[in-house]
Amino acid sequence: MIYRDDIVLDLEAYAPPDLAEPFDQGKIGLIVEGKQEITRVCTCLDVTASVVRQVIELGADMIVAHHTPFWYPLTSIKGSDASLLRDLLSHEINVYVMHTNYDLAAAGVNHCLAGLLGLGSVRPLSLGVVGDCYLTPSMIADHLGTSLRIWGKVSEIRRLAVVGGSGFDPVLIKEASDVGAQAFLSAELKHSVARSSPLPLLEATHYALEAPAMRILAGKKGWTYIDDPPVLSTYP
């Protein structure tokens, strides 16, 4: 058994809250307060109803998530929000969120992604990382466990920029190009960004790019990772 506040202090050292982007104010840290004495911790990407049910079945007392379940202030509590909160509060389950602070942390989302892809000589970008790449696009897809959409012509990739989540920003893409990246991997690409990009763009899913960091965190801490990918189908 360990105390919740000790876990919080450890997580704040691992991914300092002051690294978070301004839009994350009020959306990170301990956002649902439950038991003080913790016997089991689970990690996940999203605090979904399915994840909470599994946490309850496991008898866990704390969820460490990347995404908050409450992106906007609640002025009324009903529907799915009420159901989720009812389950969390009735079982005294804590919910701790580390979002953009974990993206930017030294051992955070993007560095976990670089490790998963085996990138070498990794250096930081303003958001994300760039490193030597030894994989083909097909191999990258295999490592991520998802399909890739490739925008632009790719011959070979020897230097790859990676931004977990929704990172297709023209400023970031130019920064990556300026430091020698030959392709840029992220998620949720806009048509206008694709058309103006100086680099080929590799589009994965948001989940595939960020879930590995939560799984790795669980492994480091001896916690339980709950995989709950969105249902996605692709057709020829």
C-alpha atoms as a PDB file:
ATOM      1  CA  MET A   1       0.000   0.000   0.000  1.00  0.00           C
ATOM      2  CA  ILE A   2       1.095   3.548  -0.742  1.00  0.00           C
ATOM      3  CA  TYR A   3      -0.461   6.939  -0.171  1.00  0.00           C
ATOM      4  CA  ARG A   4      -2.019   8.832  -3.053  1.00  0.00           C
ATOM      5  CA  ASP A   5      -0.130  12.022  -2.263  1.00  0.00           C
ATOM      6  CA  ASP A   6       3.183  10.178  -2.565  1.00  0.00           C
ATOM      7  CA  ILE A   7       2.184   8.912  -6.019  1.00  0.00           C
ATOM      8  CA  VAL A   8       1.180  12.449  -7.017  1.00  0.00           C
ATOM      9  CA  LEU A   9       4.550  13.830  -5.906  1.00  0.00           C
ATOM     10  CA  ASP A  10       6.339  11.128  -7.879  1.00  0.00           C
ATOM     11  CA  LEU A  11       4.294  11.853 -11.021  1.00  0.00           C
ATOM     12  CA  GLU A  12       4.878  15.596 -10.678  1.00  0.00           C
ATOM     13  CA  ALA A  13       8.618  14.919 -10.632  1.00  0.00           C
ATOM     14  CA  TYR A  14       8.291  12.604 -13.642  1.00  0.00           C
ATOM     15  CA  ALA A  15       6.213  15.057 -15.697  1.00  0.00           C
ATOM     16  CA  PRO A  16       6.301  18.502 -14.008  1.00  0.00           C
ATOM     17  CA  PRO A  17       2.909  20.274 -14.261  1.00  0.00           C
ATOM     18  CA  ASP A  18       4.576  23.567 -15.216  1.00  0.00           C
ATOM     19  CA  LEU A  19       5.579  21.993 -18.560  1.00  0.00           C
ATOM     20  CA  ALA A  20       1.924  21.847 -19.603  1.00  0.00           C
ATOM     21  CA  GLU A  21       0.505  24.117 -22.288  1.00  0.00           C
ATOM     22  CA  PRO A  22      -1.770  26.949 -21.055  1.00  0.00           C
ATOM     23  CA  PHE A  23      -4.898  25.273 -22.448  1.00  0.00           C
ATOM     24  CA  ASP A  24      -4.332  22.391 -20.022  1.00  0.00           C
ATOM     25  CA  GLN A  25      -4.896  24.613 -16.984  1.00  0.00           C
ATOM     26  CA  GLY A  26      -7.393  22.887 -14.694  1.00  0.00           C
ATOM     27  CA  LYS A  27      -7.306  19.702 -16.795  1.00  0.00           C
ATOM     28  CA  ILE A  28      -4.211  17.985 -15.399  1.00  0.00           C
ATOM     29  CA  GLY A  29      -3.182  16.691 -12.019  1.00  0.00           C
ATOM     30  CA  LEU A  30      -5.601  15.081  -9.579  1.00  0.00           C
ATOM     31  CA  ILE A  31      -8.931  15.853 -11.241  1.00  0.00           C
ATOM     32  CA  VAL A  32     -11.042  13.304  -9.326  1.00  0.00           C
ATOM     33  CA  GLU A  33     -10.241  12.695  -5.671  1.00  0.00           C
ATOM     34  CA  GLY A  34     -10.794   9.255  -4.162  1.00  0.00           C
ATOM     35  CA  LYS A  35      -9.108   7.070  -1.562  1.00  0.00           C
ATOM     36  CA  GLN A  36      -5.943   8.253   0.123  1.00  0.00           C
ATOM     37  CA  GLU A  37      -4.554   4.746   0.617  1.00  0.00           C
ATOM     38  CA  ILE A  38      -3.736   3.107  -2.735  1.00  0.00           C
ATOM     39  CA  THR A  39      -3.339  -0.618  -3.283  1.00  0.00           C
ATOM     40  CA  ARG A  40      -3.397  -0.725  -7.089  1.00  0.00           C
ATOM     41  CA  VAL A  41      -2.872   1.808  -9.905  1.00  0.00           C
ATOM     42  CA  CYS A  42      -3.975   1.511 -13.535  1.00  0.00           C
ATOM     43  CA  THR A  43      -2.841   3.579 -16.503  1.00  0.00           C
ATOM     44  CA  CYS A  44      -4.689   4.292 -19.750  1.00  0.00           C
ATOM     45  CA  LEU A  45      -4.830   6.819 -22.537  1.00  0.00           C
ATOM     46  CA  ASP A  46      -8.507   7.787 -22.150  1.00  0.00           C
ATOM     47  CA  VAL A  47     -10.755   7.488 -19.098  1.00  0.00           C
ATOM     48  CA  THR A  48     -13.615   5.748 -20.884  1.00  0.00           C
ATOM     49  CA  ALA A  49     -16.548   3.895 -19.367  1.00  0.00           C
ATOM     50  CA  SER A  50     -14.894   0.628 -20.439  1.00  0.00           C
ATOM     51  CA  VAL A  51     -11.638   1.538 -18.685  1.00  0.00           C
ATOM     52  CA  VAL A  52     -13.461   2.494 -15.479  1.00  0.00           C
ATOM     53  CA  ARG A  53     -15.365  -0.810 -15.479  1.00  0.00           C
ATOM     54  CA  GLN A  54     -12.093  -2.708 -15.786  1.00  0.00           C
ATOM     55  CA  VAL A  55     -10.509  -0.623 -13.018  1.00  0.00           C
ATOM     56  CA  ILE A  56     -13.427  -1.487 -10.732  1.00  0.00           C
ATOM     57  CA  GLU A  57     -13.163  -5.182 -11.600  1.00  0.00           C
ATOM     58  CA  LEU A  58      -9.447  -5.102 -10.788  1.00  0.00           C
ATOM     59  CA  GLY A  59     -10.084  -3.400  -7.453  1.00  0.00           C
ATOM     60  CA  ALA A  60      -7.766  -0.513  -8.319  1.00  0.00           C
ATOM     61  CA  ASP A  61      -7.896   2.784  -6.451  1.00  0.00           C
ATOM     62  CA  MET A  62      -6.243   5.142  -8.932  1.00  0.00           C
ATOM     63  CA  ILE A  63      -6.197   5.827 -12.664  1.00  0.00           C
ATOM     64  CA  VAL A  64      -3.263   7.655 -14.261  1.00  0.00           C
ATOM     65  CA  ALA A  65      -4.403   8.857 -17.688  1.00  0.00           C
ATOM     66  CA  HIS A  66      -3.049  10.966 -20.513  1.00  0.00           C
ATOM     67  CA  HIS A  67      -6.349  12.572 -21.502  1.00  0.00           C
ATOM     68  CA  THR A  68      -8.824  14.143 -19.135  1.00  0.00           C
ATOM     69  CA  PRO A  69     -12.406  12.862 -19.438  1.00  0.00           C
ATOM     70  CA  PHE A  70     -13.631  16.438 -18.912  1.00  0.00           C
ATOM     71  CA  TRP A  71     -12.310  18.838 -21.546  1.00  0.00           C
ATOM     72  CA  TYR A  72     -14.783  21.613 -20.735  1.00  0.00           C
ATOM     73  CA  PRO A  73     -16.180  22.998 -17.456  1.00  0.00           C
ATOM     74  CA  LEU A  74     -19.246  21.040 -16.339  1.00  0.00           C
ATOM     75  CA  THR A  75     -22.240  23.314 -15.759  1.00  0.00           C
ATOM     76  CA  SER A  76     -24.547  20.308 -15.475  1.00  0.00           C
ATOM     77  CA  ILE A  77     -23.795  16.667 -14.701  1.00  0.00           C
ATOM     78  CA  LYS A  78     -25.890  14.201 -16.649  1.00  0.00           C
ATOM     79  CA  GLY A  79     -25.704  11.528 -19.301  1.00  0.00           C
ATOM     80  CA  SER A  80     -22.313   9.906 -19.830  1.00  0.00           C
ATOM     81  CA  ASP A  81     -20.560  12.417 -17.552  1.00  0.00           C
ATOM     82  CA  ALA A  82     -22.899  11.547 -14.688  1.00  0.00           C
ATOM     83  CA  SER A  83     -22.465   7.833 -15.286  1.00  0.00           C
ATOM     84  CA  LEU A  84     -18.671   8.077 -15.342  1.00  0.00           C
ATOM     85  CA  LEU A  85     -18.509  10.229 -12.228  1.00  0.00           C
ATOM     86  CA  ARG A  86     -20.994   7.991 -10.419  1.00  0.00           C
ATOM     87  CA  ASP A  87     -18.765   4.972 -10.968  1.00  0.00           C
ATOM     88  CA  LEU A  88     -15.581   6.817 -10.025  1.00  0.00           C
ATOM     89  CA  LEU A  89     -16.947   8.468  -6.896  1.00  0.00           C
ATOM     90  CA  SER A  90     -18.922   5.501  -5.611  1.00  0.00           C
ATOM     91  CA  HIS A  91     -15.762   3.378  -5.720  1.00  0.00           C
ATOM     92  CA  GLU A  92     -13.515   6.231  -4.479  1.00  0.00           C
ATOM     93  CA  ILE A  93     -11.239   5.979  -7.514  1.00  0.00           C
ATOM     94  CA  ASN A  94      -8.682   8.751  -8.014  1.00  0.00           C
ATOM     95  CA  VAL A  95      -8.040  10.095 -11.510  1.00  0.00           C
ATOM     96  CA  TYR A  96      -4.700  11.761 -12.209  1.00  0.00           C
ATOM     97  CA  VAL A  97      -4.047  13.297 -15.629  1.00  0.00           C
ATOM     98  CA  MET A  98      -0.765  14.273 -17.229  1.00  0.00           C
ATOM     99  CA  HIS A  99      -1.270  15.567 -20.726  1.00  0.00           C
ATOM    100  CA  THR A 100       0.980  18.104 -22.474  1.00  0.00           C
ATOM    101  CA  ASN A 101       3.345  18.055 -19.492  1.00  0.00           C
ATOM    102  CA  TYR A 102       3.928  14.359 -20.261  1.00  0.00           C
ATOM    103  CA  ASP A 103       4.346  15.179 -23.960  1.00  0.00           C
ATOM    104  CA  LEU A 104       7.184  17.545 -23.097  1.00  0.00           C
ATOM    105  CA  ALA A 105       8.784  15.618 -20.230  1.00  0.00           C
ATOM    106  CA  ALA A 106      12.310  14.249 -20.652  1.00  0.00           C
ATOM    107  CA  ALA A 107      11.051  10.656 -20.592  1.00  0.00           C
ATOM    108  CA  GLY A 108       7.623  11.508 -21.922  1.00  0.00           C
ATOM    109  CA  VAL A 109       5.349  10.611 -24.807  1.00  0.00           C
ATOM    110  CA  ASN A 110       7.644  11.592 -27.678  1.00  0.00           C
ATOM    111  CA  HIS A 111      10.740   9.989 -26.223  1.00  0.00           C
ATOM    112  CA  CYS A 112       8.787   6.786 -25.580  1.00  0.00           C
ATOM    113  CA  LEU A 113       7.690   6.892 -29.211  1.00  0.00           C
ATOM    114  CA  ALA A 114      11.262   7.421 -30.388  1.00  0.00           C
ATOM    115  CA  GLY A 115      12.330   4.413 -28.326  1.00  0.00           C
ATOM    116  CA  LEU A 116       9.531   2.271 -29.730  1.00  0.00           C
ATOM    117  CA  LEU A 117      10.659   3.127 -33.265  1.00  0.00           C
ATOM    118  CA  GLY A 118      14.338   2.682 -32.438  1.00  0.00           C
ATOM    119  CA  LEU A 119      15.333   6.192 -33.495  1.00  0.00           C
ATOM    120  CA  GLY A 120      18.988   7.105 -33.017  1.00  0.00           C
ATOM    121  CA  SER A 121      20.771  10.390 -32.247  1.00  0.00           C
ATOM    122  CA  VAL A 122      17.487  11.796 -30.940  1.00  0.00           C
ATOM    123  CA  ARG A 123      17.197  15.528 -30.374  1.00  0.00           C
ATOM    124  CA  PRO A 124      14.213  17.571 -29.224  1.00  0.00           C
ATOM    125  CA  LEU A 125      12.044  19.793 -31.356  1.00  0.00           C
ATOM    126  CA  SER A 126       9.921  22.554 -29.812  1.00  0.00           C
ATOM    127  CA  LEU A 127       7.295  19.816 -29.574  1.00  0.00           C
ATOM    128  CA  GLY A 128       8.323  16.292 -30.447  1.00  0.00           C
ATOM    129  CA  VAL A 129      11.679  14.797 -31.394  1.00  0.00           C
ATOM    130  CA  VAL A 130      13.724  13.981 -34.477  1.00  0.00           C
ATOM    131  CA  GLY A 131      16.135  11.093 -34.871  1.00  0.00           C
ATOM    132  CA  ASP A 132      17.890   8.707 -37.221  1.00  0.00           C
ATOM    133  CA  CYS A 133      15.429   6.228 -38.663  1.00  0.00           C
ATOM    134  CA  TYR A 134      16.195   2.629 -39.628  1.00  0.00           C
ATOM    135  CA  LEU A 135      12.639   1.605 -40.585  1.00  0.00           C
ATOM    136  CA  THR A 136      10.556   1.638 -43.744  1.00  0.00           C
ATOM    137  CA  PRO A 137       7.018   3.084 -43.527  1.00  0.00           C
ATOM    138  CA  SER A 138       5.692  -0.489 -43.466  1.00  0.00           C
ATOM    139  CA  MET A 139       7.918  -1.318 -40.510  1.00  0.00           C
ATOM    140  CA  ILE A 140       6.871   1.874 -38.723  1.00  0.00           C
ATOM    141  CA  ALA A 141       3.237   0.804 -39.107  1.00  0.00           C
ATOM    142  CA  ASP A 142       4.100  -2.627 -37.681  1.00  0.00           C
ATOM    143  CA  HIS A 143       5.869  -1.114 -34.667  1.00  0.00           C
ATOM    144  CA  LEU A 144       2.905   1.156 -33.979  1.00  0.00           C
ATOM    145  CA  GLY A 145       0.323  -1.546 -34.564  1.00  0.00           C
ATOM    146  CA  THR A 146      -1.706   0.642 -36.878  1.00  0.00           C
ATOM    147  CA  SER A 147      -2.060   1.578 -40.518  1.00  0.00           C
ATOM    148  CA  LEU A 148      -0.342   4.660 -41.938  1.00  0.00           C
ATOM    149  CA  ARG A 149      -1.562   7.166 -44.490  1.00  0.00           C
ATOM    150  CA  ILE A 150       1.374   8.656 -46.373  1.00  0.00           C
ATOM    151  CA  TRP A 151       1.046  12.120 -47.877  1.00  0.00           C
ATOM    152  CA  GLY A 152       3.740  12.859 -50.419  1.00  0.00           C
ATOM    153  CA  LYS A 153       6.368  10.658 -52.022  1.00  0.00           C
ATOM    154  CA  VAL A 154       8.652   8.681 -49.739  1.00  0.00           C
ATOM    155  CA  SER A 155      11.781   7.105 -51.148  1.00  0.00           C
ATOM    156  CA  GLU A 156      13.791   6.494 -48.007  1.00  0.00           C
ATOM    157  CA  ILE A 157      13.650   7.902 -44.481  1.00  0.00           C
ATOM    158  CA  ARG A 158      16.957   8.311 -42.721  1.00  0.00           C
ATOM    159  CA  ARG A 159      15.864  11.086 -40.362  1.00  0.00           C
ATOM    160  CA  LEU A 160      12.322  11.070 -38.941  1.00  0.00           C
ATOM    161  CA  ALA A 161      10.459  13.712 -36.927  1.00  0.00           C
ATOM    162  CA  VAL A 162       7.865  12.404 -34.480  1.00  0.00           C
ATOM    163  CA  VAL A 163       5.132  14.281 -32.616  1.00  0.00           C
ATOM    164  CA  GLY A 164       2.693  12.240 -30.540  1.00  0.00           C
ATOM    165  CA  GLY A 165      -0.985  13.173 -30.827  1.00  0.00           C
ATOM    166  CA  SER A 166      -2.196  15.972 -33.088  1.00  0.00           C
ATOM    167  CA  GLY A 167       1.148  17.412 -34.143  1.00  0.00           C
ATOM    168  CA  PHE A 168       0.747  18.343 -37.796  1.00  0.00           C
ATOM    169  CA  ASP A 169       1.474  22.029 -37.392  1.00  0.00           C
ATOM    170  CA  PRO A 170       3.142  23.914 -40.282  1.00  0.00           C
ATOM    171  CA  VAL A 171       5.596  25.569 -37.882  1.00  0.00           C
ATOM    172  CA  LEU A 172       6.653  22.207 -36.443  1.00  0.00           C
ATOM    173  CA  ILE A 173       6.927  20.634 -39.882  1.00  0.00           C
ATOM    174  CA  LYS A 174       9.194  23.469 -41.074  1.00  0.00           C
ATOM    175  CA  GLU A 175      11.312  23.177 -37.927  1.00  0.00           C
ATOM    176  CA  ALA A 176      11.729  19.462 -38.583  1.00  0.00           C
ATOM    177  CA  SER A 177      12.641  20.096 -42.201  1.00  0.00           C
ATOM    178  CA  ASP A 178      15.207  22.722 -41.187  1.00  0.00           C
ATOM    179  CA  VAL A 179      17.039  20.211 -38.960  1.00  0.00           C
ATOM    180  CA  GLY A 180      17.207  17.554 -41.658  1.00  0.00           C
ATOM    181  CA  ALA A 181      14.091  15.433 -41.182  1.00  0.00           C
ATOM    182  CA  GLN A 182      13.040  13.579 -44.330  1.00  0.00           C
ATOM    183  CA  ALA A 183       9.524  12.757 -43.099  1.00  0.00           C
ATOM    184  CA  PHE A 184       7.174  13.739 -40.275  1.00  0.00           C
ATOM    185  CA  LEU A 185       5.028  11.328 -38.232  1.00  0.00           C
ATOM    186  CA  SER A 186       1.973  12.460 -36.268  1.00  0.00           C
ATOM    187  CA  ALA A 187      -1.848  12.234 -36.298  1.00  0.00           C
ATOM    188  CA  GLU A 188      -4.988  14.089 -37.374  1.00  0.00           C
ATOM    189  CA  LEU A 189      -3.761  15.832 -40.496  1.00  0.00           C
ATOM    190  CA  LYS A 190      -5.641  18.716 -42.133  1.00  0.00           C
ATOM    191  CA  HIS A 191      -5.849  18.828 -45.917  1.00  0.00           C
ATOM    192  CA  SER A 192      -4.388  22.341 -46.134  1.00  0.00           C
ATOM    193  CA  VAL A 193      -1.376  21.322 -44.041  1.00  0.00           C
ATOM    194  CA  ALA A 194      -0.751  18.265 -46.206  1.00  0.00           C
ATOM    195  CA  ARG A 195      -0.843  20.317 -49.394  1.00  0.00           C
ATOM    196  CA  SER A 196       1.677  22.875 -48.167  1.00  0.00           C
ATOM    197  CA  SER A 197       4.116  20.545 -46.392  1.00  0.00           C
ATOM    198  CA  PRO A 198       7.785  20.563 -47.458  1.00  0.00           C
ATOM    199  CA  LEU A 199       8.079  16.992 -46.125  1.00  0.00           C
ATOM    200  CA  PRO A 200       6.247  13.717 -46.712  1.00  0.00           C
ATOM    201  CA  LEU A 201       3.775  13.238 -43.861  1.00  0.00           C
ATOM    202  CA  LEU A 202       3.078   9.901 -42.173  1.00  0.00           C
ATOM    203  CA  GLU A 203      -0.340   9.942 -40.556  1.00  0.00           C
ATOM    204  CA  ALA A 204      -1.025   7.403 -37.804  1.00  0.00           C
ATOM    205  CA  THR A 205      -3.831   7.399 -35.243  1.00  0.00           C
ATOM    206  CA  HIS A 206      -3.750   9.552 -32.135  1.00  0.00           C
ATOM    207  CA  TYR A 207      -4.172   6.445 -29.974  1.00  0.00           C
ATOM    208  CA  ALA A 208      -1.320   4.511 -31.578  1.00  0.00           C
ATOM    209  CA  LEU A 209       1.115   7.373 -31.015  1.00  0.00           C
ATOM    210  CA  GLU A 210       0.298   8.131 -27.377  1.00  0.00           C
ATOM    211  CA  ALA A 211      -0.841   4.868 -25.807  1.00  0.00           C
ATOM    212  CA  PRO A 212       2.703   3.374 -25.808  1.00  0.00           C
ATOM    213  CA  ALA A 213       3.882   6.001 -23.317  1.00  0.00           C
ATOM    214  CA  MET A 214       1.144   5.023 -20.845  1.00  0.00           C
ATOM    215  CA  ARG A 215       1.992   1.347 -21.297  1.00  0.00           C
ATOM    216  CA  ILE A 216       5.684   2.081 -20.721  1.00  0.00           C
ATOM    217  CA  LEU A 217       4.881   4.147 -17.630  1.00  0.00           C
ATOM    218  CA  ALA A 218       2.858   1.246 -16.214  1.00  0.00           C
ATOM    219  CA  GLY A 219       5.769  -1.110 -16.810  1.00  0.00           C
ATOM    220  CA  LYS A 220       8.246   1.188 -15.071  1.00  0.00           C
ATOM    221  CA  LYS A 221       6.021   1.672 -12.032  1.00  0.00           C
ATOM    222  CA  GLY A 222       4.671  -1.866 -11.724  1.00  0.00           C
ATOM    223  CA  TRP A 223       1.133  -0.699 -12.494  1.00  0.00           C
ATOM    224  CA  THR A 224      -1.553  -2.204 -14.739  1.00  0.00           C
ATOM    225  CA  TYR A 225      -1.990  -0.809 -18.235  1.00  0.00           C
ATOM    226  CA  ILE A 226      -5.519  -0.981 -19.678  1.00  0.00           C
ATOM    227  CA  ASP A 227      -5.649  -0.988 -23.462  1.00  0.00           C
ATOM    228  CA  ASP A 228      -8.860   0.500 -24.858  1.00  0.00           C
ATOM    229  CA  PRO A 229      -8.323   1.522 -28.498  1.00  0.00           C
ATOM    230  CA  PRO A 230     -11.149   3.158 -30.431  1.00  0.00           C
ATOM    231  CA  VAL A 231     -12.977   0.955 -32.915  1.00  0.00           C
ATOM    232  CA  LEU A 232     -11.573   1.789 -36.339  1.00  0.00           C
ATOM    233  CA  SER A 233     -12.111   0.071 -39.681  1.00  0.00           C
ATOM    234  CA  THR A 234     -10.366   0.789 -42.963  1.00  0.00           C
ATOM    235  CA  TYR A 235     -11.499  -0.265 -46.415  1.00  0.00           C
ATOM    236  CA  PRO A 236      -9.547  -0.466 -49.684  1.00  0.00           C
END
